[in-house]
PDB file of N, CA and C in Angstrom:
ATOM      1  N   UNK A   1      -1.191  -3.482  13.677  1.00  0.00           N
ATOM      2  CA  UNK A   1      -2.539  -3.913  14.015  1.00  0.00           C
ATOM      3  C   UNK A   1      -2.527  -4.756  15.289  1.00  0.00           C
ATOM      4  N   UNK A   2      -1.589  -5.700  15.353  1.00  0.00           N
ATOM      5  CA  UNK A   2      -1.504  -6.574  16.516  1.00  0.00           C
ATOM      6  C   UNK A   2      -1.184  -5.772  17.780  1.00  0.00           C
ATOM      7  N   UNK A   3      -0.334  -4.763  17.641  1.00  0.00           N
ATOM      8  CA  UNK A   3       0.023  -3.942  18.799  1.00  0.00           C
ATOM      9  C   UNK A   3      -1.193  -3.218  19.353  1.00  0.00           C
ATOM     10  N   UNK A   4      -2.008  -2.657  18.464  1.00  0.00           N
ATOM     11  CA  UNK A   4      -3.213  -1.947  18.912  1.00  0.00           C
ATOM     12  C   UNK A   4      -4.155  -2.898  19.631  1.00  0.00           C
ATOM     13  N   UNK A   5      -4.257  -4.116  19.130  1.00  0.00           N
ATOM     14  CA  UNK A   5      -5.116  -5.114  19.770  1.00  0.00           C
ATOM     15  C   UNK A   5      -4.615  -5.403  21.183  1.00  0.00           C
ATOM     16  N   UNK A   6      -3.316  -5.529  21.352  1.00  0.00           N
ATOM     17  CA  UNK A   6      -2.745  -5.768  22.680  1.00  0.00           C
ATOM     18  C   UNK A   6      -3.076  -4.622  23.628  1.00  0.00           C
ATOM     19  N   UNK A   7      -3.029  -3.407  23.130  1.00  0.00           N
ATOM     20  CA  UNK A   7      -3.346  -2.247  23.972  1.00  0.00           C
ATOM     21  C   UNK A   7      -4.815  -2.251  24.369  1.00  0.00           C
ATOM     22  N   UNK A   8      -5.686  -2.616  23.433  1.00  0.00           N
ATOM     23  CA  UNK A   8      -7.123  -2.671  23.741  1.00  0.00           C
ATOM     24  C   UNK A   8      -7.422  -3.759  24.766  1.00  0.00           C
ATOM     25  N   UNK A   9      -6.728  -4.887  24.669  1.00  0.00           N
ATOM     26  CA  UNK A   9      -6.899  -5.956  25.662  1.00  0.00           C
ATOM     27  C   UNK A   9      -6.462  -5.454  27.037  1.00  0.00           C
ATOM     28  N   UNK A  10      -5.375  -4.699  27.091  1.00  0.00           N
ATOM     29  CA  UNK A  10      -4.908  -4.132  28.359  1.00  0.00           C
ATOM     30  C   UNK A  10      -5.942  -3.165  28.936  1.00  0.00           C
ATOM     31  N   UNK A  11      -6.558  -2.362  28.080  1.00  0.00           N
ATOM     32  CA  UNK A  11      -7.602  -1.435  28.540  1.00  0.00           C
ATOM     33  C   UNK A  11      -8.789  -2.219  29.076  1.00  0.00           C
ATOM     34  N   UNK A  12      -9.180  -3.263  28.372  1.00  0.00           N
ATOM     35  CA  UNK A  12     -10.298  -4.098  28.823  1.00  0.00           C
ATOM     36  C   UNK A  12      -9.985  -4.707  30.191  1.00  0.00           C
ATOM     37  N   UNK A  13      -8.755  -5.150  30.377  1.00  0.00           N
ATOM     38  CA  UNK A  13      -8.322  -5.703  31.655  1.00  0.00           C
ATOM     39  C   UNK A  13      -8.477  -4.662  32.764  1.00  0.00           C
ATOM     40  N   UNK A  14      -8.050  -3.438  32.504  1.00  0.00           N
ATOM     41  CA  UNK A  14      -8.172  -2.368  33.498  1.00  0.00           C
ATOM     42  C   UNK A  14      -9.631  -2.072  33.827  1.00  0.00           C
ATOM     43  N   UNK A  15     -10.492  -2.109  32.824  1.00  0.00           N
ATOM     44  CA  UNK A  15     -11.925  -1.886  33.060  1.00  0.00           C
ATOM     45  C   UNK A  15     -12.478  -2.988  33.955  1.00  0.00           C
ATOM     46  N   UNK A  16     -12.057  -4.228  33.703  1.00  0.00           N
ATOM     47  CA  UNK A  16     -12.511  -5.352  34.539  1.00  0.00           C
ATOM     48  C   UNK A  16     -12.060  -5.176  35.989  1.00  0.00           C
ATOM     49  N   UNK A  17     -10.916  -4.497  36.185  1.00  0.00           N
ATOM     50  CA  UNK A  17     -10.430  -4.201  37.533  1.00  0.00           C
ATOM     51  C   UNK A  17     -11.055  -2.931  38.100  1.00  0.00           C
ATOM     52  N   UNK A  18     -12.027  -2.374  37.356  1.00  0.00           N
ATOM     53  CA  UNK A  18     -12.762  -1.173  37.747  1.00  0.00           C
ATOM     54  C   UNK A  18     -11.859   0.061  37.842  1.00  0.00           C
ATOM     55  N   UNK A  19     -10.871   0.130  36.950  1.00  0.00           N
ATOM     56  CA  UNK A  19     -10.009   1.306  36.859  1.00  0.00           C
ATOM     57  C   UNK A  19     -10.646   2.296  35.889  1.00  0.00           C
ATOM     58  N   UNK A  20     -10.562   3.561  36.212  1.00  0.00           N
ATOM     59  CA  UNK A  20     -11.073   4.594  35.310  1.00  0.00           C
ATOM     60  C   UNK A  20     -10.069   4.808  34.184  1.00  0.00           C
ATOM     61  N   UNK A  21     -10.490   5.532  33.163  1.00  0.00           N
ATOM     62  CA  UNK A  21      -9.579   5.849  32.061  1.00  0.00           C
ATOM     63  C   UNK A  21      -8.408   6.684  32.578  1.00  0.00           C
ATOM     64  N   UNK A  22      -8.694   7.593  33.505  1.00  0.00           N
ATOM     65  CA  UNK A  22      -7.634   8.433  34.069  1.00  0.00           C
ATOM     66  C   UNK A  22      -6.603   7.599  34.828  1.00  0.00           C
ATOM     67  N   UNK A  23      -7.033   6.510  35.449  1.00  0.00           N
ATOM     68  CA  UNK A  23      -6.104   5.613  36.140  1.00  0.00           C
ATOM     69  C   UNK A  23      -5.379   4.695  35.158  1.00  0.00           C
ATOM     70  N   UNK A  24      -6.038   4.374  34.062  1.00  0.00           N
ATOM     71  CA  UNK A  24      -5.484   3.455  33.069  1.00  0.00           C
ATOM     72  C   UNK A  24      -4.365   4.098  32.259  1.00  0.00           C
ATOM     73  N   UNK A  25      -4.516   5.368  31.926  1.00  0.00           N
ATOM     74  CA  UNK A  25      -3.550   6.052  31.049  1.00  0.00           C
ATOM     75  C   UNK A  25      -2.111   5.962  31.561  1.00  0.00           C
ATOM     76  N   UNK A  26      -1.831   6.327  32.825  1.00  0.00           N
ATOM     77  CA  UNK A  26      -0.434   6.248  33.270  1.00  0.00           C
ATOM     78  C   UNK A  26       0.115   4.818  33.278  1.00  0.00           C
ATOM     79  N   UNK A  27      -0.748   3.855  33.579  1.00  0.00           N
ATOM     80  CA  UNK A  27      -0.291   2.463  33.577  1.00  0.00           C
ATOM     81  C   UNK A  27       0.100   2.018  32.176  1.00  0.00           C
ATOM     82  N   UNK A  28      -0.728   2.364  31.184  1.00  0.00           N
ATOM     83  CA  UNK A  28      -0.418   1.978  29.809  1.00  0.00           C
ATOM     84  C   UNK A  28       0.820   2.709  29.299  1.00  0.00           C
ATOM     85  N   UNK A  29       0.962   3.975  29.664  1.00  0.00           N
ATOM     86  CA  UNK A  29       2.142   4.730  29.228  1.00  0.00           C
ATOM     87  C   UNK A  29       3.415   4.150  29.838  1.00  0.00           C
ATOM     88  N   UNK A  30       3.321   3.681  31.075  1.00  0.00           N
ATOM     89  CA  UNK A  30       4.482   3.061  31.710  1.00  0.00           C
ATOM     90  C   UNK A  30       4.788   1.714  31.059  1.00  0.00           C
ATOM     91  N   UNK A  31       3.748   0.950  30.748  1.00  0.00           N
ATOM     92  CA  UNK A  31       3.939  -0.382  30.171  1.00  0.00           C
ATOM     93  C   UNK A  31       4.388  -0.332  28.716  1.00  0.00           C
ATOM     94  N   UNK A  32       3.811   0.571  27.921  1.00  0.00           N
ATOM     95  CA  UNK A  32       4.056   0.574  26.482  1.00  0.00           C
ATOM     96  C   UNK A  32       4.907   1.746  25.996  1.00  0.00           C
ATOM     97  N   UNK A  33       5.148   2.715  26.847  1.00  0.00           N
ATOM     98  CA  UNK A  33       5.998   3.848  26.475  1.00  0.00           C
ATOM     99  C   UNK A  33       5.450   4.629  25.291  1.00  0.00           C
ATOM    100  N   UNK A  34       6.335   4.962  24.357  1.00  0.00           N
ATOM    101  CA  UNK A  34       5.936   5.773  23.203  1.00  0.00           C
ATOM    102  C   UNK A  34       5.025   5.005  22.249  1.00  0.00           C
ATOM    103  N   UNK A  35       4.932   3.704  22.427  1.00  0.00           N
ATOM    104  CA  UNK A  35       4.097   2.868  21.562  1.00  0.00           C
ATOM    105  C   UNK A  35       2.674   2.729  22.110  1.00  0.00           C
ATOM    106  N   UNK A  36       2.291   3.635  23.000  1.00  0.00           N
ATOM    107  CA  UNK A  36       0.978   3.590  23.640  1.00  0.00           C
ATOM    108  C   UNK A  36      -0.074   4.267  22.756  1.00  0.00           C
ATOM    109  N   UNK A  37      -1.325   3.906  22.960  1.00  0.00           N
ATOM    110  CA  UNK A  37      -2.422   4.598  22.291  1.00  0.00           C
ATOM    111  C   UNK A  37      -2.513   6.019  22.839  1.00  0.00           C
ATOM    112  N   UNK A  38      -3.178   6.886  22.107  1.00  0.00           N
ATOM    113  CA  UNK A  38      -3.365   8.259  22.583  1.00  0.00           C
ATOM    114  C   UNK A  38      -4.357   8.272  23.745  1.00  0.00           C
ATOM    115  N   UNK A  39      -4.309   9.330  24.531  1.00  0.00           N
ATOM    116  CA  UNK A  39      -5.244   9.467  25.651  1.00  0.00           C
ATOM    117  C   UNK A  39      -6.678   9.386  25.157  1.00  0.00           C
ATOM    118  N   UNK A  40      -6.950  10.027  24.043  1.00  0.00           N
ATOM    119  CA  UNK A  40      -8.308  10.035  23.487  1.00  0.00           C
ATOM    120  C   UNK A  40      -8.771   8.613  23.145  1.00  0.00           C
ATOM    121  N   UNK A  41      -7.883   7.835  22.529  1.00  0.00           N
ATOM    122  CA  UNK A  41      -8.241   6.458  22.189  1.00  0.00           C
ATOM    123  C   UNK A  41      -8.463   5.630  23.444  1.00  0.00           C
ATOM    124  N   UNK A  42      -7.654   5.851  24.458  1.00  0.00           N
ATOM    125  CA  UNK A  42      -7.813   5.110  25.711  1.00  0.00           C
ATOM    126  C   UNK A  42      -9.159   5.437  26.341  1.00  0.00           C
ATOM    127  N   UNK A  43      -9.523   6.722  26.378  1.00  0.00           N
ATOM    128  CA  UNK A  43     -10.826   7.107  26.925  1.00  0.00           C
ATOM    129  C   UNK A  43     -11.961   6.465  26.125  1.00  0.00           C
ATOM    130  N   UNK A  44     -11.839   6.464  24.793  1.00  0.00           N
ATOM    131  CA  UNK A  44     -12.894   5.900  23.943  1.00  0.00           C
ATOM    132  C   UNK A  44     -13.054   4.401  24.189  1.00  0.00           C
ATOM    133  N   UNK A  45     -11.938   3.671  24.205  1.00  0.00           N
ATOM    134  CA  UNK A  45     -12.012   2.228  24.426  1.00  0.00           C
ATOM    135  C   UNK A  45     -12.456   1.911  25.853  1.00  0.00           C
ATOM    136  N   UNK A  46     -12.000   2.692  26.828  1.00  0.00           N
ATOM    137  CA  UNK A  46     -12.414   2.470  28.208  1.00  0.00           C
ATOM    138  C   UNK A  46     -13.927   2.606  28.329  1.00  0.00           C
ATOM    139  N   UNK A  47     -14.473   3.624  27.700  1.00  0.00           N
ATOM    140  CA  UNK A  47     -15.924   3.843  27.740  1.00  0.00           C
ATOM    141  C   UNK A  47     -16.662   2.686  27.079  1.00  0.00           C
ATOM    142  N   UNK A  48     -16.182   2.236  25.933  1.00  0.00           N
ATOM    143  CA  UNK A  48     -16.841   1.142  25.215  1.00  0.00           C
ATOM    144  C   UNK A  48     -16.860  -0.130  26.058  1.00  0.00           C
ATOM    145  N   UNK A  49     -15.731  -0.466  26.680  1.00  0.00           N
ATOM    146  CA  UNK A  49     -15.678  -1.676  27.504  1.00  0.00           C
ATOM    147  C   UNK A  49     -16.508  -1.520  28.771  1.00  0.00           C
ATOM    148  N   UNK A  50     -16.505  -0.329  29.360  1.00  0.00           N
ATOM    149  CA  UNK A  50     -17.302  -0.085  30.562  1.00  0.00           C
ATOM    150  C   UNK A  50     -18.795  -0.189  30.272  1.00  0.00           C
ATOM    151  N   UNK A  51     -19.194   0.124  29.032  1.00  0.00           N
ATOM    152  CA  UNK A  51     -20.603   0.034  28.642  1.00  0.00           C
ATOM    153  C   UNK A  51     -20.988  -1.366  28.189  1.00  0.00           C
ATOM    154  N   UNK A  52     -20.057  -2.315  28.272  1.00  0.00           N
ATOM    155  CA  UNK A  52     -20.406  -3.704  27.996  1.00  0.00           C
ATOM    156  C   UNK A  52     -19.826  -4.315  26.741  1.00  0.00           C
ATOM    157  N   UNK A  53     -19.076  -3.570  25.991  1.00  0.00           N
ATOM    158  CA  UNK A  53     -18.478  -4.146  24.786  1.00  0.00           C
ATOM    159  C   UNK A  53     -17.486  -5.226  25.195  1.00  0.00           C
ATOM    160  N   UNK A  54     -17.544  -6.366  24.513  1.00  0.00           N
ATOM    161  CA  UNK A  54     -16.646  -7.477  24.799  1.00  0.00           C
ATOM    162  C   UNK A  54     -15.570  -7.642  23.735  1.00  0.00           C
ATOM    163  N   UNK A  55     -15.885  -7.279  22.504  1.00  0.00           N
ATOM    164  CA  UNK A  55     -14.988  -7.483  21.370  1.00  0.00           C
ATOM    165  C   UNK A  55     -13.873  -6.441  21.373  1.00  0.00           C
ATOM    166  N   UNK A  56     -12.634  -6.897  21.230  1.00  0.00           N
ATOM    167  CA  UNK A  56     -11.482  -5.986  21.196  1.00  0.00           C
ATOM    168  C   UNK A  56     -11.086  -5.595  19.777  1.00  0.00           C
ATOM    169  N   UNK A  57     -11.710  -6.194  18.784  1.00  0.00           N
ATOM    170  CA  UNK A  57     -11.362  -5.917  17.389  1.00  0.00           C
ATOM    171  C   UNK A  57     -11.979  -4.597  16.937  1.00  0.00           C
ATOM    172  N   UNK A  58     -11.309  -3.940  15.996  1.00  0.00           N
ATOM    173  CA  UNK A  58     -11.872  -2.743  15.371  1.00  0.00           C
ATOM    174  C   UNK A  58     -13.068  -3.166  14.529  1.00  0.00           C
ATOM    175  N   UNK A  59     -14.080  -2.370  14.514  1.00  0.00           N
ATOM    176  CA  UNK A  59     -15.246  -2.664  13.675  1.00  0.00           C
ATOM    177  C   UNK A  59     -15.057  -2.060  12.304  1.00  0.00           C
ATOM    178  N   UNK A  60     -15.749  -2.645  11.330  1.00  0.00           N
ATOM    179  CA  UNK A  60     -15.712  -2.114   9.967  1.00  0.00           C
ATOM    180  C   UNK A  60     -16.304  -0.708   9.966  1.00  0.00           C
ATOM    181  N   UNK A  61     -15.795   0.179   9.145  1.00  0.00           N
ATOM    182  CA  UNK A  61     -16.369   1.527   9.085  1.00  0.00           C
ATOM    183  C   UNK A  61     -17.798   1.489   8.552  1.00  0.00           C
ATOM    184  N   UNK A  62     -18.602   2.387   9.044  1.00  0.00           N
ATOM    185  CA  UNK A  62     -19.979   2.479   8.550  1.00  0.00           C
ATOM    186  C   UNK A  62     -19.965   3.198   7.214  1.00  0.00           C
ATOM    187  N   UNK A  63     -20.715   2.658   6.298  1.00  0.00           N
ATOM    188  CA  UNK A  63     -20.783   3.263   4.966  1.00  0.00           C
ATOM    189  C   UNK A  63     -22.048   4.088   4.854  1.00  0.00           C
ATOM    190  N   UNK A  64     -21.898   5.339   4.482  1.00  0.00           N
ATOM    191  CA  UNK A  64     -23.066   6.163   4.215  1.00  0.00           C
ATOM    192  C   UNK A  64     -23.638   5.734   2.872  1.00  0.00           C
ATOM    193  N   UNK A  65     -24.831   6.139   2.574  1.00  0.00           N
ATOM    194  CA  UNK A  65     -25.477   5.752   1.317  1.00  0.00           C
ATOM    195  C   UNK A  65     -24.646   6.180   0.109  1.00  0.00           C
ATOM    196  N   UNK A  66     -24.105   7.376   0.139  1.00  0.00           N
ATOM    197  CA  UNK A  66     -23.307   7.866  -0.991  1.00  0.00           C
ATOM    198  C   UNK A  66     -22.016   7.062  -1.114  1.00  0.00           C
ATOM    199  N   UNK A  67     -21.349   6.828   0.006  1.00  0.00           N
ATOM    200  CA  UNK A  67     -20.116   6.043  -0.028  1.00  0.00           C
ATOM    201  C   UNK A  67     -20.382   4.619  -0.500  1.00  0.00           C
ATOM    202  N   UNK A  68     -21.498   4.053  -0.061  1.00  0.00           N
ATOM    203  CA  UNK A  68     -21.841   2.694  -0.460  1.00  0.00           C
ATOM    204  C   UNK A  68     -22.105   2.622  -1.956  1.00  0.00           C
ATOM    205  N   UNK A  69     -22.815   3.607  -2.493  1.00  0.00           N
ATOM    206  CA  UNK A  69     -23.080   3.647  -3.929  1.00  0.00           C
ATOM    207  C   UNK A  69     -21.764   3.777  -4.699  1.00  0.00           C
ATOM    208  N   UNK A  70     -20.882   4.643  -4.248  1.00  0.00           N
ATOM    209  CA  UNK A  70     -19.577   4.818  -4.889  1.00  0.00           C
ATOM    210  C   UNK A  70     -18.774   3.519  -4.828  1.00  0.00           C
ATOM    211  N   UNK A  71     -18.821   2.858  -3.690  1.00  0.00           N
ATOM    212  CA  UNK A  71     -18.094   1.591  -3.523  1.00  0.00           C
ATOM    213  C   UNK A  71     -18.611   0.538  -4.497  1.00  0.00           C
ATOM    214  N   UNK A  72     -19.912   0.454  -4.633  1.00  0.00           N
ATOM    215  CA  UNK A  72     -20.502  -0.528  -5.560  1.00  0.00           C
ATOM    216  C   UNK A  72     -20.107  -0.230  -6.999  1.00  0.00           C
ATOM    217  N   UNK A  73     -20.101   1.056  -7.361  1.00  0.00           N
ATOM    218  CA  UNK A  73     -19.709   1.434  -8.719  1.00  0.00           C
ATOM    219  C   UNK A  73     -18.249   1.080  -8.976  1.00  0.00           C
ATOM    220  N   UNK A  74     -17.411   1.269  -8.001  1.00  0.00           N
ATOM    221  CA  UNK A  74     -15.989   0.925  -8.159  1.00  0.00           C
ATOM    222  C   UNK A  74     -15.800  -0.580  -8.309  1.00  0.00           C
ATOM    223  N   UNK A  75     -16.614  -1.356  -7.609  1.00  0.00           N
ATOM    224  CA  UNK A  75     -16.494  -2.813  -7.685  1.00  0.00           C
ATOM    225  C   UNK A  75     -16.906  -3.339  -9.054  1.00  0.00           C
ATOM    226  N   UNK A  76     -17.809  -2.626  -9.736  1.00  0.00           N
ATOM    227  CA  UNK A  76     -18.260  -3.086 -11.052  1.00  0.00           C
ATOM    228  C   UNK A  76     -17.260  -2.751 -12.147  1.00  0.00           C
ATOM    229  N   UNK A  77     -16.320  -1.853 -11.883  1.00  0.00           N
ATOM    230  CA  UNK A  77     -15.331  -1.471 -12.894  1.00  0.00           C
ATOM    231  C   UNK A  77     -14.319  -2.531 -13.138  1.00  0.00           C
TER     232      UNK A  77
END
């Protein structure tokens, strides 16, 4: 978990330097090697930070109505 957070902070840093996701990917791969996020994740996080997101933490998953009902039933057991 901590490693992923470090990678997201690095992506945010690159966005602040006005680097595109395509420019960020090789830098992260060089810095983190095989422990790097996937290209898809880098593009997703780059877009989120470029659109103004400040928080580097993962957000809680959204619960659909059915999942929420199931979750509540499980909690009552």
